[in-house]
Amino acid sequence: MAGYDEFGMLAENAAEYGIAWNGPPAVRRASVPLPSGLSLSALVWGAAPPELVLIHGGAQNAHTWDTVALALDRPLVAVDLPGHGRSDHRPDHRYGPQNMAADVAAAVSALAPEAEAVVGMSLGGLTAIALAAEHPDLVRRLGVVDVTPGVDGAKTGPIVAFIDGPDDFDSFEAILARTVEHNPGRSEQSLRRGVLHNAHEGSDGRWRWNYDRIRHWADSSDSSAGDSDAGGPGGPGSSFGAMWDMVDRLEMPVALWQGGRWSVVDDADVSEWMRRCPHSSHAVVAGAGHSIQGDRPLELVGLIEDLLARPV
């Protein structure tokens, strides 16, 4: 849409959730070169060294955290995962958590090496688990939003149904209408912002999502994970069960946060998580679906603050 300004809607975010607005915050785009020759994009909030790293879910982008970032009012980094937002698409279209964790590690090392916590949601949560297991020096505390390695295609059915929709749309109104239909817990105002951040109008006048539509959630080294193109974390045929071993290795303070209205995490997943990571805390956010940062951002801010207060 002509005149799109990625930072021009932040006052609207603040107004919708009653966050004090003292003028535009200090936030900028940054690009981190990766060993592969590709680049990873991120939003850097604040002028001081970042205290927090935020990792979005599949088919989202760093702007999903805008309201959370405004309410936290802390220096932080919100990354665009590979193949999402303004980060480069992978030529092999592989976006498994372990593959992406290596790229996120490069970005964290460059932009937020002293961050006090890493918080990841959905596919970003699985990526954060892999990051914490493989690069514990970069993850002093870990927050996981509505996902465990127990996620599968059956649990993510509604997400898959939304993400695997049409490749393009006749108009902005059409792509927004589909988004509203599949997100009944969100205001149309917030969803409008989300679409503007996550889609673009092509030269042919049709609207398309920014994320890589050709995608495999499996890690290239993980034969147990399927090559499904379905979205979310865990489209049909995919499995992340091998990542439970990574949960065993988490020694830093950990929090698991679950949507109360609808979740891809079930009671068995929570039991297995707590068995493997008994020092973890667990909270259910009433009224939130899978995307807690979108449905109940202020409640999530309180949980993040609680995690940051936990001693390392």
Protein backbone atom coordinates (compact mmCIF):
# COMPACT_ATOMS: atom_id res chain seq x y z
CA MET A 1 0.00 0.00 0.00
CA ALA A 2 1.39 3.37 -1.00
CA GLY A 3 2.86 5.36 1.85
CA TYR A 4 3.52 2.38 4.13
CA ASP A 5 5.71 3.41 7.06
CA GLU A 6 6.70 0.47 9.24
CA PHE A 7 7.11 2.71 12.30
CA GLY A 8 4.20 5.00 11.51
CA MET A 9 1.55 2.89 13.28
CA LEU A 10 3.20 2.56 16.68
CA ALA A 11 1.08 5.34 18.21
CA GLU A 12 -1.96 3.28 17.17
CA ASN A 13 -0.54 0.22 18.95
CA ALA A 14 -0.04 2.28 22.09
CA ALA A 15 -3.50 3.84 21.98
CA GLU A 16 -5.27 0.50 21.53
CA TYR A 17 -3.72 -0.89 24.72
CA GLY A 18 -3.54 2.26 26.83
CA ILE A 19 0.25 2.54 26.73
CA ALA A 20 1.63 6.01 27.47
CA TRP A 21 2.81 7.72 24.29
CA ASN A 22 5.62 10.25 24.60
CA GLY A 23 6.44 10.45 20.93
CA PRO A 24 8.05 8.00 18.52
CA PRO A 25 10.36 5.52 20.27
CA ALA A 26 13.94 4.88 19.27
CA VAL A 27 13.67 1.91 16.91
CA ARG A 28 15.62 1.08 13.77
CA ARG A 29 16.17 -1.62 11.17
CA ALA A 30 19.40 -3.60 11.32
CA SER A 31 20.80 -6.22 8.97
CA VAL A 32 23.20 -8.97 10.02
CA PRO A 33 25.30 -10.79 7.38
CA LEU A 34 25.23 -14.57 7.81
CA PRO A 35 27.99 -17.09 7.02
CA SER A 36 25.83 -18.37 4.16
CA GLY A 37 26.03 -15.00 2.42
CA LEU A 38 22.38 -14.27 3.20
CA SER A 39 21.30 -11.61 5.68
CA LEU A 40 18.96 -11.58 8.67
CA SER A 41 16.94 -8.46 9.44
CA ALA A 42 15.89 -7.26 12.89
CA LEU A 43 14.29 -4.37 14.72
CA VAL A 44 16.49 -2.79 17.37
CA TRP A 45 14.51 -0.95 20.05
CA GLY A 46 16.26 1.63 22.22
CA ALA A 47 19.74 3.10 22.25
CA ALA A 48 21.20 1.07 25.14
CA PRO A 49 22.55 -2.49 24.85
CA PRO A 50 19.55 -4.82 24.28
CA GLU A 51 18.25 -6.64 27.35
CA LEU A 52 15.93 -8.99 25.49
CA VAL A 53 15.62 -10.90 22.21
CA LEU A 54 12.16 -11.67 20.75
CA ILE A 55 11.60 -14.34 18.08
CA HIS A 56 8.28 -14.51 16.20
CA GLY A 57 6.35 -17.53 14.95
CA GLY A 58 6.03 -19.09 11.50
CA ALA A 59 4.51 -16.80 8.82
CA GLN A 60 4.88 -13.79 11.16
CA ASN A 61 7.57 -11.10 11.43
CA ALA A 62 9.29 -8.93 14.03
CA HIS A 63 6.40 -6.44 14.15
CA THR A 64 4.23 -9.00 15.95
CA TRP A 65 6.06 -7.80 19.09
CA ASP A 66 5.43 -4.05 18.62
CA THR A 67 2.87 -3.68 21.41
CA VAL A 68 4.96 -5.83 23.76
CA ALA A 69 8.05 -3.75 22.98
CA LEU A 70 6.21 -0.48 23.60
CA ALA A 71 4.82 -1.70 26.93
CA LEU A 72 8.12 -3.16 28.12
CA ASP A 73 9.99 0.08 27.34
CA ARG A 74 13.30 -1.79 27.46
CA PRO A 75 16.09 -1.93 24.88
CA LEU A 76 15.54 -5.11 22.89
CA VAL A 77 15.91 -6.84 19.55
CA ALA A 78 13.07 -8.45 17.60
CA VAL A 79 14.37 -10.61 14.76
CA ASP A 80 12.84 -11.52 11.42
CA LEU A 81 13.43 -15.25 11.09
CA PRO A 82 15.00 -16.42 7.81
CA GLY A 83 12.39 -16.41 5.07
CA HIS A 84 10.20 -13.97 7.00
CA GLY A 85 9.80 -10.21 7.17
CA ARG A 86 12.82 -8.55 5.56
CA SER A 87 15.23 -11.43 6.12
CA ASP A 88 16.46 -13.25 3.04
CA HIS A 89 14.68 -16.39 1.88
CA ARG A 90 16.74 -19.57 1.99
CA PRO A 91 17.45 -21.10 -1.43
CA ASP A 92 16.69 -24.56 0.02
CA HIS A 93 13.48 -23.26 1.69
CA ARG A 94 14.35 -25.13 4.89
CA TYR A 95 13.16 -23.37 8.03
CA GLY A 96 13.61 -25.99 10.71
CA PRO A 97 14.28 -24.72 14.25
CA GLN A 98 17.85 -26.01 14.42
CA ASN A 99 18.73 -24.61 10.99
CA MET A 100 17.35 -21.21 11.94
CA ALA A 101 18.89 -21.23 15.43
CA ALA A 102 22.34 -21.01 13.87
CA ASP A 103 21.33 -17.87 11.97
CA VAL A 104 19.63 -16.37 15.03
CA ALA A 105 22.78 -17.07 17.04
CA ALA A 106 24.75 -14.95 14.58
CA ALA A 107 22.23 -12.13 14.95
CA VAL A 108 22.17 -12.32 18.75
CA SER A 109 25.96 -12.34 18.87
CA ALA A 110 26.06 -9.24 16.68
CA LEU A 111 23.16 -7.26 18.14
CA ALA A 112 22.42 -8.48 21.67
CA PRO A 113 25.29 -10.56 23.08
CA GLU A 114 24.51 -9.53 26.67
CA ALA A 115 20.72 -9.96 26.52
CA GLU A 116 19.17 -11.11 29.78
CA ALA A 117 16.55 -13.31 28.10
CA VAL A 118 15.36 -14.78 24.81
CA VAL A 119 11.62 -15.18 24.22
CA GLY A 120 10.28 -17.16 21.27
CA MET A 121 6.74 -17.91 20.11
CA SER A 122 5.58 -21.01 18.18
CA LEU A 123 8.20 -21.81 15.50
CA GLY A 124 10.28 -19.06 17.10
CA GLY A 125 9.85 -20.82 20.44
CA LEU A 126 11.23 -24.05 19.02
CA THR A 127 14.07 -22.03 17.48
CA ALA A 128 14.72 -20.44 20.89
CA ILE A 129 14.86 -23.89 22.51
CA ALA A 130 17.45 -24.98 19.94
CA LEU A 131 19.38 -21.74 20.47
CA ALA A 132 19.40 -22.23 24.24
CA ALA A 133 20.52 -25.85 23.96
CA GLU A 134 23.24 -25.23 21.38
CA HIS A 135 24.34 -21.71 22.42
CA PRO A 136 23.61 -21.44 26.16
CA ASP A 137 26.07 -18.54 26.46
CA LEU A 138 23.60 -16.43 24.45
CA VAL A 139 20.48 -17.41 26.41
CA ARG A 140 20.61 -16.45 30.09
CA ARG A 141 16.85 -16.91 30.54
CA LEU A 142 14.36 -18.52 28.17
CA GLY A 143 10.66 -17.77 27.62
CA VAL A 144 8.63 -20.07 25.35
CA VAL A 145 5.25 -18.89 24.06
CA ASP A 146 2.68 -21.61 23.38
CA VAL A 147 4.76 -24.41 21.91
CA THR A 148 6.65 -27.55 22.93
CA PRO A 149 8.37 -30.28 20.91
CA GLY A 150 5.07 -32.15 21.24
CA VAL A 151 3.48 -29.94 18.58
CA ASP A 152 2.20 -31.70 15.46
CA GLY A 153 -0.11 -31.20 12.50
CA ALA A 154 -3.23 -32.27 14.38
CA LYS A 155 -2.67 -29.65 17.08
CA THR A 156 -1.97 -26.85 14.62
CA GLY A 157 -4.89 -27.49 12.27
CA PRO A 158 -6.47 -23.99 12.47
CA ILE A 159 -3.07 -22.33 11.96
CA VAL A 160 -2.33 -24.50 8.94
CA ALA A 161 -5.76 -23.72 7.51
CA PHE A 162 -5.00 -19.99 7.62
CA ILE A 163 -1.39 -20.03 6.46
CA ASP A 164 -1.95 -22.45 3.60
CA GLY A 165 -4.60 -20.28 1.99
CA PRO A 166 -4.44 -18.58 -1.42
CA ASP A 167 -1.09 -17.48 -2.80
CA ASP A 168 -2.42 -14.04 -3.65
CA PHE A 169 -5.45 -11.81 -3.20
CA ASP A 170 -7.36 -9.36 -5.39
CA SER A 171 -7.03 -6.49 -2.93
CA PHE A 172 -5.90 -5.41 0.52
CA GLU A 173 -9.50 -5.72 1.67
CA ALA A 174 -9.56 -9.38 0.58
CA ILE A 175 -6.38 -10.35 2.41
CA LEU A 176 -7.56 -8.46 5.50
CA ALA A 177 -10.96 -10.17 5.41
CA ARG A 178 -9.34 -13.61 5.43
CA THR A 179 -7.12 -12.57 8.32
CA VAL A 180 -10.09 -11.30 10.33
CA GLU A 181 -12.01 -14.51 9.64
CA HIS A 182 -9.23 -16.66 11.08
CA ASN A 183 -8.40 -14.45 14.08
CA PRO A 184 -11.68 -13.92 15.98
CA GLY A 185 -9.93 -12.86 19.19
CA ARG A 186 -8.24 -9.79 17.71
CA SER A 187 -9.48 -6.34 16.78
CA GLU A 188 -9.71 -5.50 13.09
CA GLN A 189 -7.47 -2.50 13.80
CA SER A 190 -4.64 -4.68 15.09
CA LEU A 191 -5.07 -7.19 12.26
CA ARG A 192 -4.94 -4.39 9.70
CA ARG A 193 -1.59 -3.32 11.10
CA GLY A 194 -0.42 -6.92 11.03
CA VAL A 195 -1.30 -7.39 7.36
CA LEU A 196 0.42 -4.14 6.39
CA HIS A 197 3.60 -5.37 8.10
CA ASN A 198 3.36 -8.88 6.65
CA ALA A 199 2.16 -8.45 3.06
CA HIS A 200 2.77 -6.30 0.00
CA GLU A 201 1.08 -5.23 -3.20
CA GLY A 202 2.73 -6.58 -6.34
CA SER A 203 3.22 -4.77 -9.63
CA ASP A 204 0.11 -6.60 -10.86
CA GLY A 205 -2.01 -5.05 -8.11
CA ARG A 206 -2.44 -8.33 -6.23
CA TRP A 207 -1.51 -8.75 -2.55
CA ARG A 208 0.92 -11.43 -1.38
CA TRP A 209 2.40 -12.43 1.98
CA ASN A 210 6.06 -11.53 2.57
CA TYR A 211 7.13 -14.87 4.05
CA ASP A 212 8.53 -17.66 1.88
CA ARG A 213 5.53 -19.61 0.61
CA ILE A 214 7.77 -22.57 -0.29
CA ARG A 215 8.87 -23.88 3.08
CA HIS A 216 9.96 -27.02 4.84
CA TRP A 217 9.88 -26.93 8.63
CA ALA A 218 12.24 -29.90 8.92
CA ASP A 219 15.90 -29.44 9.75
CA SER A 220 18.09 -30.85 7.02
CA SER A 221 19.85 -33.05 9.59
CA ASP A 222 16.64 -34.33 11.18
CA SER A 223 15.23 -37.33 9.36
CA SER A 224 12.41 -37.59 11.89
CA ALA A 225 10.83 -34.34 10.72
CA GLY A 226 8.75 -34.40 7.58
CA ASP A 227 9.10 -32.15 4.56
CA SER A 228 5.58 -30.78 4.69
CA ASP A 229 4.97 -27.35 3.23
CA ALA A 230 2.20 -26.66 5.74
CA GLY A 231 2.54 -23.71 8.06
CA GLY A 232 2.73 -23.12 11.78
CA PRO A 233 5.25 -25.23 13.56
CA GLY A 234 4.17 -28.74 12.70
CA GLY A 235 2.23 -29.00 9.48
CA PRO A 236 0.96 -32.43 8.42
CA GLY A 237 3.74 -34.99 8.43
CA SER A 238 6.16 -32.97 10.52
CA SER A 239 7.47 -33.92 13.94
CA PHE A 240 9.69 -32.13 16.42
CA GLY A 241 9.81 -34.94 18.98
CA ALA A 242 13.59 -35.23 18.72
CA MET A 243 13.80 -31.75 20.23
CA TRP A 244 12.61 -33.03 23.62
CA ASP A 245 16.23 -33.96 24.26
CA MET A 246 17.08 -30.28 23.97
CA VAL A 247 14.60 -29.47 26.72
CA ASP A 248 16.56 -31.87 28.94
CA ARG A 249 19.62 -29.65 28.43
CA LEU A 250 18.07 -26.35 29.51
CA GLU A 251 19.78 -25.19 32.70
CA MET A 252 18.92 -21.49 32.64
CA PRO A 253 15.68 -20.09 34.15
CA VAL A 254 12.86 -21.17 31.83
CA ALA A 255 9.20 -20.21 31.49
CA LEU A 256 6.50 -21.90 29.39
CA TRP A 257 3.47 -19.71 28.64
CA GLN A 258 0.29 -21.24 27.24
CA GLY A 259 -2.79 -19.70 25.63
CA GLY A 260 -5.92 -20.23 27.75
CA ARG A 261 -8.56 -19.77 25.05
CA TRP A 262 -6.85 -21.97 22.46
CA SER A 263 -3.42 -23.57 22.41
CA VAL A 264 -1.26 -26.03 20.48
CA VAL A 265 0.04 -27.23 23.88
CA ASP A 266 -1.98 -29.91 25.69
CA ASP A 267 -1.81 -31.33 29.20
CA ALA A 268 0.47 -34.16 28.12
CA ASP A 269 2.91 -31.66 26.61
CA VAL A 270 2.98 -29.63 29.83
CA SER A 271 3.59 -32.77 31.91
CA GLU A 272 6.42 -33.87 29.66
CA TRP A 273 7.93 -30.36 29.67
CA MET A 274 7.88 -30.16 33.47
CA ARG A 275 9.29 -33.69 33.79
CA ARG A 276 12.24 -32.80 31.59
CA CYS A 277 12.69 -29.22 32.85
CA PRO A 278 11.43 -29.24 36.46
CA HIS A 279 12.90 -25.84 37.24
CA SER A 280 10.64 -24.28 34.57
CA SER A 281 7.63 -22.16 35.47
CA HIS A 282 4.33 -22.59 33.62
CA ALA A 283 1.49 -20.11 33.21
CA VAL A 284 -1.79 -20.14 31.29
CA VAL A 285 -2.88 -16.76 29.91
CA ALA A 286 -6.66 -16.44 30.14
CA GLY A 287 -8.34 -15.16 26.99
CA ALA A 288 -5.28 -15.69 24.80
CA GLY A 289 -5.01 -17.99 21.84
CA HIS A 290 -1.80 -19.29 20.31
CA SER A 291 -0.40 -15.79 19.64
CA ILE A 292 -0.35 -14.49 23.20
CA GLN A 293 1.65 -11.43 22.14
CA GLY A 294 -1.22 -10.41 19.86
CA ASP A 295 -4.19 -11.44 21.99
CA ARG A 296 -2.98 -10.43 25.47
CA PRO A 297 0.23 -8.40 25.02
CA LEU A 298 0.11 -6.65 28.39
CA GLU A 299 -0.32 -9.92 30.28
CA LEU A 300 2.67 -11.31 28.37
CA VAL A 301 4.70 -8.23 29.33
CA GLY A 302 4.07 -9.03 33.00
CA LEU A 303 5.24 -12.60 32.48
CA ILE A 304 8.38 -11.44 30.70
CA GLU A 305 9.14 -9.03 33.53
CA ASP A 306 8.74 -11.92 36.00
CA LEU A 307 11.19 -14.01 33.96
CA LEU A 308 13.72 -11.16 33.85
CA ALA A 309 13.51 -10.88 37.64
CA ARG A 310 14.46 -14.52 38.18
CA PRO A 311 18.07 -14.98 39.38
CA VAL A 312 20.46 -16.68 37.00
